[in-house]
Amino acid sequence: GKGEKVINHVVLLKVKPGTSGRQLQDLETGVQSLTAIPGVIDVTVGPTFVERWMQDRRHGVTHALTVRLESKKALKLYQDHELHVQVGKDLIAPLLSEPPIAVDYVSSVSLGSSP
Protein backbone atom coordinates (compact mmCIF):
# COMPACT_ATOMS: atom_id res chain seq x y z
CA GLY A 1 0.00 0.00 0.00
CA LYS A 2 0.89 3.68 0.24
CA GLY A 3 4.00 4.62 2.16
CA GLU A 4 5.37 1.08 2.25
CA LYS A 5 9.13 0.75 2.48
CA VAL A 6 11.38 -1.67 0.65
CA ILE A 7 15.02 -2.68 1.01
CA ASN A 8 17.19 -2.09 -2.05
CA HIS A 9 20.35 -4.19 -2.37
CA VAL A 10 22.58 -2.81 -5.12
CA VAL A 11 25.73 -4.58 -6.31
CA LEU A 12 28.29 -3.20 -8.77
CA LEU A 13 30.53 -5.72 -10.53
CA LYS A 14 33.81 -5.42 -12.40
CA VAL A 15 33.93 -8.44 -14.71
CA LYS A 16 37.35 -9.53 -16.01
CA PRO A 17 38.18 -8.80 -19.64
CA GLY A 18 37.97 -11.96 -21.75
CA THR A 19 34.96 -13.35 -19.88
CA SER A 20 32.88 -15.39 -22.33
CA GLY A 21 29.34 -14.57 -23.42
CA ARG A 22 28.29 -17.94 -22.00
CA GLN A 23 29.70 -17.05 -18.56
CA LEU A 24 27.90 -13.69 -18.65
CA GLN A 25 24.63 -15.39 -19.63
CA ASP A 26 25.06 -17.83 -16.73
CA LEU A 27 25.71 -14.90 -14.38
CA GLU A 28 22.49 -13.16 -15.49
CA THR A 29 20.43 -16.37 -15.31
CA GLY A 30 21.86 -17.11 -11.87
CA VAL A 31 21.02 -13.65 -10.56
CA GLN A 32 17.49 -13.86 -12.00
CA SER A 33 17.01 -17.19 -10.17
CA LEU A 34 17.37 -15.34 -6.85
CA THR A 35 13.68 -14.37 -7.10
CA ALA A 36 13.06 -17.89 -5.72
CA ILE A 37 14.33 -16.71 -2.31
CA PRO A 38 11.45 -15.78 0.04
CA GLY A 39 11.12 -12.03 0.65
CA VAL A 40 12.62 -11.03 -2.70
CA ILE A 41 10.26 -8.70 -4.59
CA ASP A 42 12.23 -8.44 -7.82
CA VAL A 43 15.69 -8.64 -9.29
CA THR A 44 17.31 -6.74 -12.16
CA VAL A 45 20.74 -7.36 -13.70
CA GLY A 46 22.60 -6.24 -16.80
CA PRO A 47 25.72 -4.79 -18.36
CA THR A 48 26.40 -1.10 -17.83
CA PHE A 49 26.38 1.22 -20.83
CA VAL A 50 27.37 4.72 -21.87
CA GLU A 51 25.87 6.66 -24.76
CA ARG A 52 27.82 9.23 -26.77
CA TRP A 53 26.03 12.08 -25.00
CA MET A 54 26.91 10.71 -21.53
CA GLN A 55 30.06 11.16 -19.52
CA ASP A 56 31.55 7.77 -18.51
CA ARG A 57 31.32 7.69 -14.72
CA ARG A 58 31.42 3.91 -14.29
CA HIS A 59 34.93 3.64 -12.83
CA GLY A 60 35.34 0.23 -14.44
CA VAL A 61 31.98 -1.20 -13.33
CA THR A 62 30.80 -3.52 -16.11
CA HIS A 63 27.59 -4.95 -14.63
CA ALA A 64 25.04 -3.95 -12.00
CA LEU A 65 22.30 -5.76 -10.18
CA THR A 66 19.52 -4.69 -7.85
CA VAL A 67 17.50 -6.89 -5.54
CA ARG A 68 14.42 -5.40 -3.87
CA LEU A 69 13.35 -7.09 -0.65
CA GLU A 70 10.40 -6.82 1.71
CA SER A 71 12.36 -6.08 4.90
CA LYS A 72 15.73 -6.10 6.64
CA LYS A 73 14.80 -9.54 7.97
CA ALA A 74 14.29 -10.67 4.36
CA LEU A 75 17.72 -9.24 3.49
CA LYS A 76 19.32 -11.34 6.24
CA LEU A 77 17.53 -14.47 4.96
CA TYR A 78 18.64 -13.63 1.42
CA GLN A 79 22.31 -13.17 2.41
CA ASP A 80 22.38 -16.53 4.21
CA HIS A 81 20.26 -18.45 1.68
CA GLU A 82 22.04 -21.37 -0.03
CA LEU A 83 20.95 -20.23 -3.51
CA HIS A 84 22.46 -16.76 -2.99
CA VAL A 85 25.67 -18.23 -1.59
CA GLN A 86 25.94 -20.69 -4.50
CA VAL A 87 25.25 -18.11 -7.24
CA GLY A 88 27.81 -15.76 -5.70
CA LYS A 89 30.48 -18.42 -5.29
CA ASP A 90 30.02 -20.34 -8.56
CA LEU A 91 28.70 -17.82 -11.10
CA ILE A 92 29.80 -14.34 -9.98
CA ALA A 93 33.04 -14.44 -7.93
CA PRO A 94 35.12 -16.33 -10.55
CA LEU A 95 34.38 -13.65 -13.18
CA LEU A 96 35.38 -10.61 -11.13
CA SER A 97 38.63 -8.65 -11.34
CA GLU A 98 38.00 -7.24 -7.85
CA PRO A 99 35.49 -7.66 -5.01
CA PRO A 100 32.02 -6.29 -5.72
CA ILE A 101 30.77 -3.00 -4.31
CA ALA A 102 27.45 -3.44 -2.50
CA VAL A 103 25.13 -0.98 -0.80
CA ASP A 104 21.77 -1.38 0.90
CA TYR A 105 19.18 1.31 1.48
CA VAL A 106 15.58 1.70 2.54
CA SER A 107 13.18 3.60 0.31
CA SER A 108 9.54 4.26 -0.29
CA VAL A 109 8.08 2.81 -3.45
CA SER A 110 7.54 5.63 -5.94
CA LEU A 111 6.09 4.73 -9.31
CA GLY A 112 6.34 7.07 -12.27
CA SER A 113 3.43 7.57 -14.65
CA SER A 114 3.87 5.20 -17.58
CA PRO A 115 2.97 6.61 -20.99
C-alpha atoms as a PDB file:
ATOM      1  CA  GLY A   1       0.000   0.000   0.000  1.00  0.00           C
ATOM      2  CA  LYS A   2       0.886   3.681   0.245  1.00  0.00           C
ATOM      3  CA  GLY A   3       4.002   4.619   2.161  1.00  0.00           C
ATOM      4  CA  GLU A   4       5.368   1.083   2.247  1.00  0.00           C
ATOM      5  CA  LYS A   5       9.127   0.754   2.484  1.00  0.00           C
ATOM      6  CA  VAL A   6      11.376  -1.670   0.653  1.00  0.00           C
ATOM      7  CA  ILE A   7      15.015  -2.678   1.009  1.00  0.00           C
ATOM      8  CA  ASN A   8      17.190  -2.085  -2.050  1.00  0.00           C
ATOM      9  CA  HIS A   9      20.346  -4.194  -2.369  1.00  0.00           C
ATOM     10  CA  VAL A  10      22.584  -2.811  -5.121  1.00  0.00           C
ATOM     11  CA  VAL A  11      25.727  -4.584  -6.314  1.00  0.00           C
ATOM     12  CA  LEU A  12      28.291  -3.196  -8.768  1.00  0.00           C
ATOM     13  CA  LEU A  13      30.529  -5.716 -10.532  1.00  0.00           C
ATOM     14  CA  LYS A  14      33.807  -5.423 -12.399  1.00  0.00           C
ATOM     15  CA  VAL A  15      33.927  -8.441 -14.708  1.00  0.00           C
ATOM     16  CA  LYS A  16      37.350  -9.528 -16.005  1.00  0.00           C
ATOM     17  CA  PRO A  17      38.175  -8.800 -19.644  1.00  0.00           C
ATOM     18  CA  GLY A  18      37.969 -11.960 -21.750  1.00  0.00           C
ATOM     19  CA  THR A  19      34.965 -13.351 -19.878  1.00  0.00           C
ATOM     20  CA  SER A  20      32.877 -15.388 -22.333  1.00  0.00           C
ATOM     21  CA  GLY A  21      29.337 -14.568 -23.418  1.00  0.00           C
ATOM     22  CA  ARG A  22      28.291 -17.937 -22.001  1.00  0.00           C
ATOM     23  CA  GLN A  23      29.695 -17.048 -18.563  1.00  0.00           C
ATOM     24  CA  LEU A  24      27.902 -13.685 -18.649  1.00  0.00           C
ATOM     25  CA  GLN A  25      24.633 -15.392 -19.633  1.00  0.00           C
ATOM     26  CA  ASP A  26      25.059 -17.833 -16.734  1.00  0.00           C
ATOM     27  CA  LEU A  27      25.706 -14.902 -14.384  1.00  0.00           C
ATOM     28  CA  GLU A  28      22.490 -13.162 -15.490  1.00  0.00           C
ATOM     29  CA  THR A  29      20.435 -16.367 -15.313  1.00  0.00           C
ATOM     30  CA  GLY A  30      21.860 -17.114 -11.866  1.00  0.00           C
ATOM     31  CA  VAL A  31      21.021 -13.653 -10.562  1.00  0.00           C
ATOM     32  CA  GLN A  32      17.492 -13.862 -11.998  1.00  0.00           C
ATOM     33  CA  SER A  33      17.009 -17.188 -10.174  1.00  0.00           C
ATOM     34  CA  LEU A  34      17.368 -15.339  -6.854  1.00  0.00           C
ATOM     35  CA  THR A  35      13.683 -14.371  -7.098  1.00  0.00           C
ATOM     36  CA  ALA A  36      13.062 -17.892  -5.716  1.00  0.00           C
ATOM     37  CA  ILE A  37      14.325 -16.713  -2.309  1.00  0.00           C
ATOM     38  CA  PRO A  38      11.445 -15.776   0.036  1.00  0.00           C
ATOM     39  CA  GLY A  39      11.117 -12.030   0.655  1.00  0.00           C
ATOM     40  CA  VAL A  40      12.623 -11.030  -2.702  1.00  0.00           C
ATOM     41  CA  ILE A  41      10.259  -8.696  -4.588  1.00  0.00           C
ATOM     42  CA  ASP A  42      12.229  -8.437  -7.817  1.00  0.00           C
ATOM     43  CA  VAL A  43      15.693  -8.636  -9.294  1.00  0.00           C
ATOM     44  CA  THR A  44      17.311  -6.741 -12.163  1.00  0.00           C
ATOM     45  CA  VAL A  45      20.741  -7.364 -13.696  1.00  0.00           C
ATOM     46  CA  GLY A  46      22.595  -6.241 -16.798  1.00  0.00           C
ATOM     47  CA  PRO A  47      25.720  -4.794 -18.359  1.00  0.00           C
ATOM     48  CA  THR A  48      26.399  -1.101 -17.826  1.00  0.00           C
ATOM     49  CA  PHE A  49      26.377   1.218 -20.833  1.00  0.00           C
ATOM     50  CA  VAL A  50      27.371   4.716 -21.865  1.00  0.00           C
ATOM     51  CA  GLU A  51      25.868   6.657 -24.758  1.00  0.00           C
ATOM     52  CA  ARG A  52      27.821   9.235 -26.766  1.00  0.00           C
ATOM     53  CA  TRP A  53      26.028  12.079 -24.996  1.00  0.00           C
ATOM     54  CA  MET A  54      26.909  10.707 -21.529  1.00  0.00           C
ATOM     55  CA  GLN A  55      30.063  11.162 -19.517  1.00  0.00           C
ATOM     56  CA  ASP A  56      31.549   7.774 -18.513  1.00  0.00           C
ATOM     57  CA  ARG A  57      31.320   7.690 -14.717  1.00  0.00           C
ATOM     58  CA  ARG A  58      31.420   3.909 -14.289  1.00  0.00           C
ATOM     59  CA  HIS A  59      34.928   3.640 -12.828  1.00  0.00           C
ATOM     60  CA  GLY A  60      35.338   0.232 -14.439  1.00  0.00           C
ATOM     61  CA  VAL A  61      31.981  -1.200 -13.327  1.00  0.00           C
ATOM     62  CA  THR A  62      30.801  -3.522 -16.114  1.00  0.00           C
ATOM     63  CA  HIS A  63      27.586  -4.955 -14.625  1.00  0.00           C
ATOM     64  CA  ALA A  64      25.038  -3.946 -12.004  1.00  0.00           C
ATOM     65  CA  LEU A  65      22.298  -5.760 -10.185  1.00  0.00           C
ATOM     66  CA  THR A  66      19.522  -4.689  -7.851  1.00  0.00           C
ATOM     67  CA  VAL A  67      17.499  -6.894  -5.543  1.00  0.00           C
ATOM     68  CA  ARG A  68      14.416  -5.398  -3.871  1.00  0.00           C
ATOM     69  CA  LEU A  69      13.346  -7.094  -0.654  1.00  0.00           C
ATOM     70  CA  GLU A  70      10.401  -6.820   1.709  1.00  0.00           C
ATOM     71  CA  SER A  71      12.364  -6.085   4.900  1.00  0.00           C
ATOM     72  CA  LYS A  72      15.733  -6.103   6.644  1.00  0.00           C
ATOM     73  CA  LYS A  73      14.802  -9.539   7.966  1.00  0.00           C
ATOM     74  CA  ALA A  74      14.291 -10.672   4.358  1.00  0.00           C
ATOM     75  CA  LEU A  75      17.725  -9.244   3.485  1.00  0.00           C
ATOM     76  CA  LYS A  76      19.316 -11.341   6.244  1.00  0.00           C
ATOM     77  CA  LEU A  77      17.528 -14.475   4.965  1.00  0.00           C
ATOM     78  CA  TYR A  78      18.644 -13.625   1.424  1.00  0.00           C
ATOM     79  CA  GLN A  79      22.307 -13.173   2.409  1.00  0.00           C
ATOM     80  CA  ASP A  80      22.381 -16.532   4.206  1.00  0.00           C
ATOM     81  CA  HIS A  81      20.258 -18.454   1.679  1.00  0.00           C
ATOM     82  CA  GLU A  82      22.045 -21.367  -0.033  1.00  0.00           C
ATOM     83  CA  LEU A  83      20.951 -20.231  -3.513  1.00  0.00           C
ATOM     84  CA  HIS A  84      22.460 -16.755  -2.989  1.00  0.00           C
ATOM     85  CA  VAL A  85      25.674 -18.233  -1.592  1.00  0.00           C
ATOM     86  CA  GLN A  86      25.940 -20.689  -4.497  1.00  0.00           C
ATOM     87  CA  VAL A  87      25.254 -18.111  -7.240  1.00  0.00           C
ATOM     88  CA  GLY A  88      27.814 -15.760  -5.704  1.00  0.00           C
ATOM     89  CA  LYS A  89      30.479 -18.422  -5.293  1.00  0.00           C
ATOM     90  CA  ASP A  90      30.025 -20.339  -8.558  1.00  0.00           C
ATOM     91  CA  LEU A  91      28.704 -17.824 -11.102  1.00  0.00           C
ATOM     92  CA  ILE A  92      29.802 -14.344  -9.983  1.00  0.00           C
ATOM     93  CA  ALA A  93      33.035 -14.444  -7.932  1.00  0.00           C
ATOM     94  CA  PRO A  94      35.122 -16.330 -10.548  1.00  0.00           C
ATOM     95  CA  LEU A  95      34.380 -13.651 -13.181  1.00  0.00           C
ATOM     96  CA  LEU A  96      35.382 -10.608 -11.130  1.00  0.00           C
ATOM     97  CA  SER A  97      38.630  -8.646 -11.340  1.00  0.00           C
ATOM     98  CA  GLU A  98      37.997  -7.237  -7.852  1.00  0.00           C
ATOM     99  CA  PRO A  99      35.491  -7.658  -5.009  1.00  0.00           C
ATOM    100  CA  PRO A 100      32.017  -6.286  -5.717  1.00  0.00           C
ATOM    101  CA  ILE A 101      30.766  -2.998  -4.312  1.00  0.00           C
ATOM    102  CA  ALA A 102      27.449  -3.444  -2.500  1.00  0.00           C
ATOM    103  CA  VAL A 103      25.130  -0.977  -0.802  1.00  0.00           C
ATOM    104  CA  ASP A 104      21.765  -1.380   0.895  1.00  0.00           C
ATOM    105  CA  TYR A 105      19.178   1.312   1.482  1.00  0.00           C
ATOM    106  CA  VAL A 106      15.582   1.704   2.541  1.00  0.00           C
ATOM    107  CA  SER A 107      13.184   3.598   0.307  1.00  0.00           C
ATOM    108  CA  SER A 108       9.541   4.261  -0.289  1.00  0.00           C
ATOM    109  CA  VAL A 109       8.080   2.808  -3.452  1.00  0.00           C
ATOM    110  CA  SER A 110       7.541   5.629  -5.942  1.00  0.00           C
ATOM    111  CA  LEU A 111       6.087   4.731  -9.310  1.00  0.00           C
ATOM    112  CA  GLY A 112       6.338   7.068 -12.269  1.00  0.00           C
ATOM    113  CA  SER A 113       3.427   7.567 -14.648  1.00  0.00           C
ATOM    114  CA  SER A 114       3.873   5.203 -17.580  1.00  0.00           C
ATOM    115  CA  PRO A 115       2.971   6.608 -20.993  1.00  0.00           C
END
